[in-house]
All heavy atoms as atom14 arrays in JSON, in Angstrom:
{
  "sequence": "PLPFLVCAGLIGLVTFALSVAAVEIGKRAGDRFSAQAEVAGGVVLIG",
  "atom14_mask": [
    [1, 1, 1, 1, 1, 1, 1, 0, 0, 0, 0, 0, 0, 0],
    [1, 1, 1, 1, 1, 1, 1, 1, 0, 0, 0, 0, 0, 0],
    [1, 1, 1, 1, 1, 1, 1, 0, 0, 0, 0, 0, 0, 0],
    [1, 1, 1, 1, 1, 1, 1, 1, 1, 1, 1, 0, 0, 0],
    [1, 1, 1, 1, 1, 1, 1, 1, 0, 0, 0, 0, 0, 0],
    [1, 1, 1, 1, 1, 1, 1, 0, 0, 0, 0, 0, 0, 0],
    [1, 1, 1, 1, 1, 1, 0, 0, 0, 0, 0, 0, 0, 0],
    [1, 1, 1, 1, 1, 0, 0, 0, 0, 0, 0, 0, 0, 0],
    [1, 1, 1, 1, 0, 0, 0, 0, 0, 0, 0, 0, 0, 0],
    [1, 1, 1, 1, 1, 1, 1, 1, 0, 0, 0, 0, 0, 0],
    [1, 1, 1, 1, 1, 1, 1, 1, 0, 0, 0, 0, 0, 0],
    [1, 1, 1, 1, 0, 0, 0, 0, 0, 0, 0, 0, 0, 0],
    [1, 1, 1, 1, 1, 1, 1, 1, 0, 0, 0, 0, 0, 0],
    [1, 1, 1, 1, 1, 1, 1, 0, 0, 0, 0, 0, 0, 0],
    [1, 1, 1, 1, 1, 1, 1, 0, 0, 0, 0, 0, 0, 0],
    [1, 1, 1, 1, 1, 1, 1, 1, 1, 1, 1, 0, 0, 0],
    [1, 1, 1, 1, 1, 0, 0, 0, 0, 0, 0, 0, 0, 0],
    [1, 1, 1, 1, 1, 1, 1, 1, 0, 0, 0, 0, 0, 0],
    [1, 1, 1, 1, 1, 1, 0, 0, 0, 0, 0, 0, 0, 0],
    [1, 1, 1, 1, 1, 1, 1, 0, 0, 0, 0, 0, 0, 0],
    [1, 1, 1, 1, 1, 0, 0, 0, 0, 0, 0, 0, 0, 0],
    [1, 1, 1, 1, 1, 0, 0, 0, 0, 0, 0, 0, 0, 0],
    [1, 1, 1, 1, 1, 1, 1, 0, 0, 0, 0, 0, 0, 0],
    [1, 1, 1, 1, 1, 1, 1, 1, 1, 0, 0, 0, 0, 0],
    [1, 1, 1, 1, 1, 1, 1, 1, 0, 0, 0, 0, 0, 0],
    [1, 1, 1, 1, 0, 0, 0, 0, 0, 0, 0, 0, 0, 0],
    [1, 1, 1, 1, 1, 1, 1, 1, 1, 0, 0, 0, 0, 0],
    [1, 1, 1, 1, 1, 1, 1, 1, 1, 1, 1, 0, 0, 0],
    [1, 1, 1, 1, 1, 0, 0, 0, 0, 0, 0, 0, 0, 0],
    [1, 1, 1, 1, 0, 0, 0, 0, 0, 0, 0, 0, 0, 0],
    [1, 1, 1, 1, 1, 1, 1, 1, 0, 0, 0, 0, 0, 0],
    [1, 1, 1, 1, 1, 1, 1, 1, 1, 1, 1, 0, 0, 0],
    [1, 1, 1, 1, 1, 1, 1, 1, 1, 1, 1, 0, 0, 0],
    [1, 1, 1, 1, 1, 1, 0, 0, 0, 0, 0, 0, 0, 0],
    [1, 1, 1, 1, 1, 0, 0, 0, 0, 0, 0, 0, 0, 0],
    [1, 1, 1, 1, 1, 1, 1, 1, 1, 0, 0, 0, 0, 0],
    [1, 1, 1, 1, 1, 0, 0, 0, 0, 0, 0, 0, 0, 0],
    [1, 1, 1, 1, 1, 1, 1, 1, 1, 0, 0, 0, 0, 0],
    [1, 1, 1, 1, 1, 1, 1, 0, 0, 0, 0, 0, 0, 0],
    [1, 1, 1, 1, 1, 0, 0, 0, 0, 0, 0, 0, 0, 0],
    [1, 1, 1, 1, 0, 0, 0, 0, 0, 0, 0, 0, 0, 0],
    [1, 1, 1, 1, 0, 0, 0, 0, 0, 0, 0, 0, 0, 0],
    [1, 1, 1, 1, 1, 1, 1, 0, 0, 0, 0, 0, 0, 0],
    [1, 1, 1, 1, 1, 1, 1, 0, 0, 0, 0, 0, 0, 0],
    [1, 1, 1, 1, 1, 1, 1, 1, 0, 0, 0, 0, 0, 0],
    [1, 1, 1, 1, 1, 1, 1, 1, 0, 0, 0, 0, 0, 0],
    [1, 1, 1, 1, 0, 0, 0, 0, 0, 0, 0, 0, 0, 0]
  ],
  "atom14_positions": [
    [[132.61, -108.71, -25.61], [133.0, -109.02, -24.24], [132.01, -109.9, -23.47], [132.33, -110.47, -22.43], [133.1, -107.64, -23.58], [132.1, -106.81, -24.34], [132.16, -107.33, -25.75], [0.0, 0.0, 0.0], [0.0, 0.0, 0.0], [0.0, 0.0, 0.0], [0.0, 0.0, 0.0], [0.0, 0.0, 0.0], [0.0, 0.0, 0.0], [0.0, 0.0, 0.0]],
    [[130.77, -110.0, -23.97], [129.72, -110.77, -23.31], [129.05, -111.68, -24.33], [129.12, -111.42, -25.53], [128.66, -109.82, -22.71], [129.11, -108.85, -21.62], [128.01, -107.82, -21.36], [129.47, -109.58, -20.35], [0.0, 0.0, 0.0], [0.0, 0.0, 0.0], [0.0, 0.0, 0.0], [0.0, 0.0, 0.0], [0.0, 0.0, 0.0], [0.0, 0.0, 0.0]],
    [[128.39, -112.77, -23.87], [127.6, -113.56, -24.81], [126.59, -112.69, -25.54], [126.05, -111.74, -24.98], [126.9, -114.58, -23.9], [127.74, -114.68, -22.69], [128.34, -113.3, -22.5], [0.0, 0.0, 0.0], [0.0, 0.0, 0.0], [0.0, 0.0, 0.0], [0.0, 0.0, 0.0], [0.0, 0.0, 0.0], [0.0, 0.0, 0.0], [0.0, 0.0, 0.0]],
    [[126.33, -113.03, -26.79], [125.5, -112.19, -27.64], [124.13, -111.93, -27.03], [123.65, -110.79, -27.04], [125.34, -112.82, -29.03], [124.2, -112.24, -29.79], [124.27, -110.96, -30.28], [123.02, -112.96, -29.95], [123.2, -110.39, -30.96], [121.94, -112.4, -30.62], [122.04, -111.11, -31.13], [0.0, 0.0, 0.0], [0.0, 0.0, 0.0], [0.0, 0.0, 0.0]],
    [[123.47, -112.97, -26.51], [122.14, -112.79, -25.95], [122.13, -111.88, -24.73], [121.16, -111.17, -24.48], [121.51, -114.15, -25.61], [121.0, -114.96, -26.81], [120.51, -116.32, -26.36], [119.9, -114.21, -27.56], [0.0, 0.0, 0.0], [0.0, 0.0, 0.0], [0.0, 0.0, 0.0], [0.0, 0.0, 0.0], [0.0, 0.0, 0.0], [0.0, 0.0, 0.0]],
    [[123.23, -111.88, -23.98], [123.35, -110.97, -22.85], [123.42, -109.52, -23.36], [122.79, -108.62, -22.78], [124.59, -111.29, -22.0], [124.79, -110.26, -20.88], [124.46, -112.69, -21.38], [0.0, 0.0, 0.0], [0.0, 0.0, 0.0], [0.0, 0.0, 0.0], [0.0, 0.0, 0.0], [0.0, 0.0, 0.0], [0.0, 0.0, 0.0], [0.0, 0.0, 0.0]],
    [[124.16, -109.31, -24.44], [124.23, -107.97, -25.05], [122.86, -107.5, -25.51], [122.46, -106.36, -25.27], [125.21, -107.97, -26.23], [126.92, -108.29, -25.8], [0.0, 0.0, 0.0], [0.0, 0.0, 0.0], [0.0, 0.0, 0.0], [0.0, 0.0, 0.0], [0.0, 0.0, 0.0], [0.0, 0.0, 0.0], [0.0, 0.0, 0.0], [0.0, 0.0, 0.0]],
    [[122.14, -108.4, -26.18], [120.78, -108.06, -26.65], [119.86, -107.78, -25.48], [119.04, -106.85, -25.5], [120.22, -109.18, -27.53], [0.0, 0.0, 0.0], [0.0, 0.0, 0.0], [0.0, 0.0, 0.0], [0.0, 0.0, 0.0], [0.0, 0.0, 0.0], [0.0, 0.0, 0.0], [0.0, 0.0, 0.0], [0.0, 0.0, 0.0], [0.0, 0.0, 0.0]],
    [[119.99, -108.59, -24.41], [119.19, -108.39, -23.22], [119.48, -107.05, -22.56], [118.59, -106.36, -22.07], [0.0, 0.0, 0.0], [0.0, 0.0, 0.0], [0.0, 0.0, 0.0], [0.0, 0.0, 0.0], [0.0, 0.0, 0.0], [0.0, 0.0, 0.0], [0.0, 0.0, 0.0], [0.0, 0.0, 0.0], [0.0, 0.0, 0.0], [0.0, 0.0, 0.0]],
    [[120.76, -106.68, -22.55], [121.16, -105.38, -21.98], [120.53, -104.23, -22.76], [120.04, -103.27, -22.17], [122.69, -105.26, -22.0], [123.29, -104.0, -21.37], [122.93, -103.9, -19.91], [124.8, -104.01, -21.55], [0.0, 0.0, 0.0], [0.0, 0.0, 0.0], [0.0, 0.0, 0.0], [0.0, 0.0, 0.0], [0.0, 0.0, 0.0], [0.0, 0.0, 0.0]],
    [[120.53, -104.36, -24.09], [119.89, -103.33, -24.94], [118.41, -103.2, -24.58], [117.87, -102.1, -24.43], [120.07, -103.65, -26.43], [121.56, -103.5, -26.81], [119.2, -102.76, -27.3], [121.89, -104.02, -28.2], [0.0, 0.0, 0.0], [0.0, 0.0, 0.0], [0.0, 0.0, 0.0], [0.0, 0.0, 0.0], [0.0, 0.0, 0.0], [0.0, 0.0, 0.0]],
    [[117.73, -104.35, -24.43], [116.31, -104.33, -24.08], [116.06, -103.72, -22.71], [115.13, -102.91, -22.53], [0.0, 0.0, 0.0], [0.0, 0.0, 0.0], [0.0, 0.0, 0.0], [0.0, 0.0, 0.0], [0.0, 0.0, 0.0], [0.0, 0.0, 0.0], [0.0, 0.0, 0.0], [0.0, 0.0, 0.0], [0.0, 0.0, 0.0], [0.0, 0.0, 0.0]],
    [[116.87, -104.09, -21.71], [116.69, -103.57, -20.35], [116.94, -102.07, -20.27], [116.21, -101.34, -19.59], [117.63, -104.31, -19.38], [117.21, -105.73, -19.01], [118.32, -106.41, -18.2], [115.9, -105.72, -18.22], [0.0, 0.0, 0.0], [0.0, 0.0, 0.0], [0.0, 0.0, 0.0], [0.0, 0.0, 0.0], [0.0, 0.0, 0.0], [0.0, 0.0, 0.0]],
    [[117.99, -101.61, -20.95], [118.28, -100.17, -20.96], [117.14, -99.4, -21.6], [116.7, -98.36, -21.09], [119.61, -99.9, -21.69], [119.78, -98.4, -21.99], [120.8, -100.4, -20.87], [0.0, 0.0, 0.0], [0.0, 0.0, 0.0], [0.0, 0.0, 0.0], [0.0, 0.0, 0.0], [0.0, 0.0, 0.0], [0.0, 0.0, 0.0], [0.0, 0.0, 0.0]],
    [[116.62, -99.93, -22.71], [115.49, -99.27, -23.38], [114.28, -99.25, -22.48], [113.56, -98.22, -22.4], [115.15, -99.99, -24.7], [116.3, -99.99, -25.53], [114.0, -99.3, -25.42], [0.0, 0.0, 0.0], [0.0, 0.0, 0.0], [0.0, 0.0, 0.0], [0.0, 0.0, 0.0], [0.0, 0.0, 0.0], [0.0, 0.0, 0.0], [0.0, 0.0, 0.0]],
    [[114.01, -100.34, -21.78], [112.87, -100.39, -20.86], [112.99, -99.3, -19.79], [112.05, -98.53, -19.56], [112.79, -101.77, -20.19], [111.75, -101.86, -19.11], [110.43, -102.13, -19.43], [112.09, -101.66, -17.77], [109.45, -102.2, -18.43], [111.13, -101.74, -16.77], [109.81, -102.02, -17.1], [0.0, 0.0, 0.0], [0.0, 0.0, 0.0], [0.0, 0.0, 0.0]],
    [[114.16, -99.24, -19.14], [114.35, -98.26, -18.07], [114.24, -96.84, -18.57], [113.57, -95.99, -17.94], [115.72, -98.5, -17.4], [0.0, 0.0, 0.0], [0.0, 0.0, 0.0], [0.0, 0.0, 0.0], [0.0, 0.0, 0.0], [0.0, 0.0, 0.0], [0.0, 0.0, 0.0], [0.0, 0.0, 0.0], [0.0, 0.0, 0.0], [0.0, 0.0, 0.0]],
    [[114.89, -96.55, -19.7], [114.85, -95.18, -20.23], [113.47, -94.8, -20.76], [113.08, -93.64, -20.69], [115.9, -95.02, -21.33], [117.34, -95.0, -20.84], [118.32, -94.88, -22.0], [117.59, -93.85, -19.88], [0.0, 0.0, 0.0], [0.0, 0.0, 0.0], [0.0, 0.0, 0.0], [0.0, 0.0, 0.0], [0.0, 0.0, 0.0], [0.0, 0.0, 0.0]],
    [[112.71, -95.8, -21.22], [111.36, -95.52, -21.71], [110.43, -95.13, -20.55], [109.58, -94.25, -20.7], [110.79, -96.74, -22.46], [111.55, -96.99, -23.61], [0.0, 0.0, 0.0], [0.0, 0.0, 0.0], [0.0, 0.0, 0.0], [0.0, 0.0, 0.0], [0.0, 0.0, 0.0], [0.0, 0.0, 0.0], [0.0, 0.0, 0.0], [0.0, 0.0, 0.0]],
    [[110.58, -95.82, -19.43], [109.79, -95.44, -18.23], [110.11, -93.99, -17.87], [109.2, -93.17, -17.65], [110.12, -96.37, -17.04], [109.49, -95.83, -15.76], [109.61, -97.79, -17.31], [0.0, 0.0, 0.0], [0.0, 0.0, 0.0], [0.0, 0.0, 0.0], [0.0, 0.0, 0.0], [0.0, 0.0, 0.0], [0.0, 0.0, 0.0], [0.0, 0.0, 0.0]],
    [[111.4, -93.66, -17.81], [111.8, -92.29, -17.48], [111.27, -91.3, -18.52], [110.82, -90.2, -18.17], [113.33, -92.21, -17.4], [0.0, 0.0, 0.0], [0.0, 0.0, 0.0], [0.0, 0.0, 0.0], [0.0, 0.0, 0.0], [0.0, 0.0, 0.0], [0.0, 0.0, 0.0], [0.0, 0.0, 0.0], [0.0, 0.0, 0.0], [0.0, 0.0, 0.0]],
    [[111.3, -91.68, -19.8], [110.88, -90.78, -20.86], [109.41, -90.41, -20.76], [109.03, -89.26, -20.93], [111.17, -91.42, -22.23], [0.0, 0.0, 0.0], [0.0, 0.0, 0.0], [0.0, 0.0, 0.0], [0.0, 0.0, 0.0], [0.0, 0.0, 0.0], [0.0, 0.0, 0.0], [0.0, 0.0, 0.0], [0.0, 0.0, 0.0], [0.0, 0.0, 0.0]],
    [[108.57, -91.41, -20.49], [107.13, -91.13, -20.37], [106.89, -90.17, -19.19], [106.11, -89.21, -19.29], [106.33, -92.42, -20.19], [104.85, -92.1, -19.96], [106.46, -93.32, -21.41], [0.0, 0.0, 0.0], [0.0, 0.0, 0.0], [0.0, 0.0, 0.0], [0.0, 0.0, 0.0], [0.0, 0.0, 0.0], [0.0, 0.0, 0.0], [0.0, 0.0, 0.0]],
    [[107.59, -90.44, -18.09], [107.42, -89.55, -16.92], [107.89, -88.12, -17.23], [107.25, -87.15, -16.85], [108.2, -90.12, -15.73], [107.61, -91.4, -15.14], [106.26, -91.15, -14.46], [105.89, -89.98, -14.24], [105.58, -92.14, -14.15], [0.0, 0.0, 0.0], [0.0, 0.0, 0.0], [0.0, 0.0, 0.0], [0.0, 0.0, 0.0], [0.0, 0.0, 0.0]],
    [[109.02, -88.02, -17.92], [109.52, -86.69, -18.3], [108.53, -86.01, -19.23], [108.25, -84.82, -19.11], [110.91, -86.79, -18.97], [111.96, -87.23, -17.94], [111.32, -85.47, -19.6], [113.3, -87.59, -18.54], [0.0, 0.0, 0.0], [0.0, 0.0, 0.0], [0.0, 0.0, 0.0], [0.0, 0.0, 0.0], [0.0, 0.0, 0.0], [0.0, 0.0, 0.0]],
    [[107.99, -86.77, -20.2], [107.02, -86.21, -21.13], [105.79, -85.7, -20.42], [105.23, -84.67, -20.78], [0.0, 0.0, 0.0], [0.0, 0.0, 0.0], [0.0, 0.0, 0.0], [0.0, 0.0, 0.0], [0.0, 0.0, 0.0], [0.0, 0.0, 0.0], [0.0, 0.0, 0.0], [0.0, 0.0, 0.0], [0.0, 0.0, 0.0], [0.0, 0.0, 0.0]],
    [[105.35, -86.43, -19.4], [104.16, -86.01, -18.63], [104.42, -84.67, -17.91], [103.51, -83.88, -17.71], [103.81, -87.08, -17.61], [103.16, -88.32, -18.22], [103.09, -89.46, -17.21], [102.18, -89.13, -16.04], [102.02, -90.29, -15.13], [0.0, 0.0, 0.0], [0.0, 0.0, 0.0], [0.0, 0.0, 0.0], [0.0, 0.0, 0.0], [0.0, 0.0, 0.0]],
    [[105.67, -84.45, -17.54], [105.98, -83.27, -16.73], [106.61, -82.12, -17.5], [106.34, -80.97, -17.23], [106.95, -83.66, -15.59], [106.28, -84.55, -14.54], [107.31, -85.16, -13.6], [106.69, -85.83, -12.48], [106.1, -87.0, -12.53], [106.07, -87.66, -13.67], [105.55, -87.54, -11.46], [0.0, 0.0, 0.0], [0.0, 0.0, 0.0], [0.0, 0.0, 0.0]],
    [[107.47, -82.44, -18.47], [108.31, -81.38, -19.07], [108.03, -81.14, -20.54], [108.57, -80.2, -21.12], [109.78, -81.72, -18.87], [0.0, 0.0, 0.0], [0.0, 0.0, 0.0], [0.0, 0.0, 0.0], [0.0, 0.0, 0.0], [0.0, 0.0, 0.0], [0.0, 0.0, 0.0], [0.0, 0.0, 0.0], [0.0, 0.0, 0.0], [0.0, 0.0, 0.0]],
    [[107.24, -81.97, -21.19], [106.99, -81.76, -22.61], [108.13, -82.3, -23.46], [108.96, -83.09, -23.01], [0.0, 0.0, 0.0], [0.0, 0.0, 0.0], [0.0, 0.0, 0.0], [0.0, 0.0, 0.0], [0.0, 0.0, 0.0], [0.0, 0.0, 0.0], [0.0, 0.0, 0.0], [0.0, 0.0, 0.0], [0.0, 0.0, 0.0], [0.0, 0.0, 0.0]],
    [[108.19, -81.84, -24.73], [109.12, -82.42, -25.7], [110.38, -81.61, -25.9], [111.06, -81.73, -26.91], [108.42, -82.59, -27.06], [108.02, -81.26, -27.65], [108.04, -80.25, -26.92], [107.66, -81.24, -28.83], [0.0, 0.0, 0.0], [0.0, 0.0, 0.0], [0.0, 0.0, 0.0], [0.0, 0.0, 0.0], [0.0, 0.0, 0.0], [0.0, 0.0, 0.0]],
    [[110.75, -80.79, -24.9], [111.89, -79.88, -25.1], [113.21, -80.61, -25.29], [114.13, -80.1, -25.89], [112.02, -78.93, -23.91], [110.99, -77.82, -23.93], [111.01, -77.02, -22.67], [110.43, -77.77, -21.56], [110.33, -77.31, -20.32], [110.79, -76.1, -20.02], [109.78, -78.04, -19.38], [0.0, 0.0, 0.0], [0.0, 0.0, 0.0], [0.0, 0.0, 0.0]],
    [[113.31, -81.85, -24.76], [114.61, -82.53, -24.79], [114.67, -83.7, -25.76], [115.68, -84.36, -25.87], [114.97, -83.02, -23.4], [114.89, -81.94, -22.35], [113.92, -81.98, -21.38], [115.77, -80.88, -22.38], [113.84, -80.99, -20.42], [115.7, -79.87, -21.43], [114.72, -79.92, -20.44], [0.0, 0.0, 0.0], [0.0, 0.0, 0.0], [0.0, 0.0, 0.0]],
    [[113.56, -84.01, -26.45], [113.53, -85.22, -27.27], [114.52, -85.15, -28.44], [115.23, -86.1, -28.72], [112.11, -85.48, -27.8], [111.66, -84.41, -28.59], [0.0, 0.0, 0.0], [0.0, 0.0, 0.0], [0.0, 0.0, 0.0], [0.0, 0.0, 0.0], [0.0, 0.0, 0.0], [0.0, 0.0, 0.0], [0.0, 0.0, 0.0], [0.0, 0.0, 0.0]],
    [[114.59, -84.0, -29.12], [115.51, -83.86, -30.26], [116.95, -83.94, -29.8], [117.78, -84.6, -30.42], [115.25, -82.55, -30.98], [0.0, 0.0, 0.0], [0.0, 0.0, 0.0], [0.0, 0.0, 0.0], [0.0, 0.0, 0.0], [0.0, 0.0, 0.0], [0.0, 0.0, 0.0], [0.0, 0.0, 0.0], [0.0, 0.0, 0.0], [0.0, 0.0, 0.0]],
    [[117.26, -83.29, -28.64], [118.63, -83.35, -28.13], [119.03, -84.78, -27.78], [120.19, -85.18, -27.98], [118.76, -82.46, -26.89], [118.69, -80.97, -27.18], [117.27, -80.43, -27.15], [116.32, -81.14, -27.46], [117.13, -79.16, -26.79], [0.0, 0.0, 0.0], [0.0, 0.0, 0.0], [0.0, 0.0, 0.0], [0.0, 0.0, 0.0], [0.0, 0.0, 0.0]],
    [[118.09, -85.56, -27.26], [118.37, -86.95, -26.91], [118.74, -87.77, -28.14], [119.7, -88.54, -28.13], [117.16, -87.57, -26.21], [0.0, 0.0, 0.0], [0.0, 0.0, 0.0], [0.0, 0.0, 0.0], [0.0, 0.0, 0.0], [0.0, 0.0, 0.0], [0.0, 0.0, 0.0], [0.0, 0.0, 0.0], [0.0, 0.0, 0.0], [0.0, 0.0, 0.0]],
    [[118.01, -87.56, -29.23], [118.3, -88.3, -30.47], [119.66, -87.89, -31.06], [120.4, -88.73, -31.55], [117.19, -88.07, -31.49], [115.91, -88.83, -31.16], [114.93, -88.81, -32.33], [115.18, -89.54, -33.3], [113.95, -88.08, -32.26], [0.0, 0.0, 0.0], [0.0, 0.0, 0.0], [0.0, 0.0, 0.0], [0.0, 0.0, 0.0], [0.0, 0.0, 0.0]],
    [[119.97, -86.61, -31.02], [121.27, -86.14, -31.54], [122.39, -86.75, -30.72], [123.39, -87.23, -31.27], [121.35, -84.59, -31.5], [122.76, -84.13, -31.78], [120.39, -83.99, -32.53], [0.0, 0.0, 0.0], [0.0, 0.0, 0.0], [0.0, 0.0, 0.0], [0.0, 0.0, 0.0], [0.0, 0.0, 0.0], [0.0, 0.0, 0.0], [0.0, 0.0, 0.0]],
    [[122.25, -86.75, -29.38], [123.29, -87.33, -28.52], [123.48, -88.81, -28.83], [124.62, -89.3, -28.92], [122.91, -87.14, -27.05], [0.0, 0.0, 0.0], [0.0, 0.0, 0.0], [0.0, 0.0, 0.0], [0.0, 0.0, 0.0], [0.0, 0.0, 0.0], [0.0, 0.0, 0.0], [0.0, 0.0, 0.0], [0.0, 0.0, 0.0], [0.0, 0.0, 0.0]],
    [[122.38, -89.53, -29.01], [122.49, -90.94, -29.36], [123.2, -91.16, -30.69], [124.01, -92.07, -30.82], [0.0, 0.0, 0.0], [0.0, 0.0, 0.0], [0.0, 0.0, 0.0], [0.0, 0.0, 0.0], [0.0, 0.0, 0.0], [0.0, 0.0, 0.0], [0.0, 0.0, 0.0], [0.0, 0.0, 0.0], [0.0, 0.0, 0.0], [0.0, 0.0, 0.0]],
    [[122.9, -90.32, -31.67], [123.54, -90.42, -32.98], [125.04, -90.19, -32.89], [125.84, -90.9, -33.48], [0.0, 0.0, 0.0], [0.0, 0.0, 0.0], [0.0, 0.0, 0.0], [0.0, 0.0, 0.0], [0.0, 0.0, 0.0], [0.0, 0.0, 0.0], [0.0, 0.0, 0.0], [0.0, 0.0, 0.0], [0.0, 0.0, 0.0], [0.0, 0.0, 0.0]],
    [[125.44, -89.19, -32.1], [126.88, -88.89, -31.94], [127.59, -90.07, -31.28], [128.7, -90.43, -31.68], [127.06, -87.59, -31.11], [128.52, -87.4, -30.72], [126.57, -86.4, -31.9], [0.0, 0.0, 0.0], [0.0, 0.0, 0.0], [0.0, 0.0, 0.0], [0.0, 0.0, 0.0], [0.0, 0.0, 0.0], [0.0, 0.0, 0.0], [0.0, 0.0, 0.0]],
    [[126.96, -90.67, -30.28], [127.58, -91.83, -29.59], [127.79, -92.98, -30.59], [128.87, -93.6, -30.62], [126.69, -92.29, -28.41], [127.16, -93.66, -27.88], [126.75, -91.27, -27.29], [0.0, 0.0, 0.0], [0.0, 0.0, 0.0], [0.0, 0.0, 0.0], [0.0, 0.0, 0.0], [0.0, 0.0, 0.0], [0.0, 0.0, 0.0], [0.0, 0.0, 0.0]],
    [[126.79, -93.29, -31.4], [126.91, -94.38, -32.37], [128.05, -94.11, -33.37], [128.84, -95.02, -33.67], [125.59, -94.59, -33.11], [124.45, -95.21, -32.31], [123.18, -95.24, -33.15], [124.79, -96.6, -31.82], [0.0, 0.0, 0.0], [0.0, 0.0, 0.0], [0.0, 0.0, 0.0], [0.0, 0.0, 0.0], [0.0, 0.0, 0.0], [0.0, 0.0, 0.0]],
    [[128.12, -92.89, -33.88], [129.19, -92.55, -34.82], [130.54, -92.68, -34.17], [131.49, -93.24, -34.74], [128.98, -91.12, -35.37], [127.74, -91.07, -36.28], [130.21, -90.64, -36.14], [127.32, -89.67, -36.7], [0.0, 0.0, 0.0], [0.0, 0.0, 0.0], [0.0, 0.0, 0.0], [0.0, 0.0, 0.0], [0.0, 0.0, 0.0], [0.0, 0.0, 0.0]],
    [[130.67, -92.2, -32.92], [131.94, -92.27, -32.21], [132.42, -93.7, -31.99], [133.59, -94.02, -32.21], [0.0, 0.0, 0.0], [0.0, 0.0, 0.0], [0.0, 0.0, 0.0], [0.0, 0.0, 0.0], [0.0, 0.0, 0.0], [0.0, 0.0, 0.0], [0.0, 0.0, 0.0], [0.0, 0.0, 0.0], [0.0, 0.0, 0.0], [0.0, 0.0, 0.0]]
  ]
}
C-alpha cells in the first residue's frame, strides 16, 4: 500500500519508539513482560 522505503522507514520508527519505551519499562519494572512481548509479536507475524 505504500512505497517500499516508506514501509522500511515505518518499521525503523516504530522500533525506535518502542525501544525508548522498553528501556524505560526495564528501568522501572524489570523483565517480567519481555517474553510475553516476543510471543505476542510471533503470533502477529504468523497471523
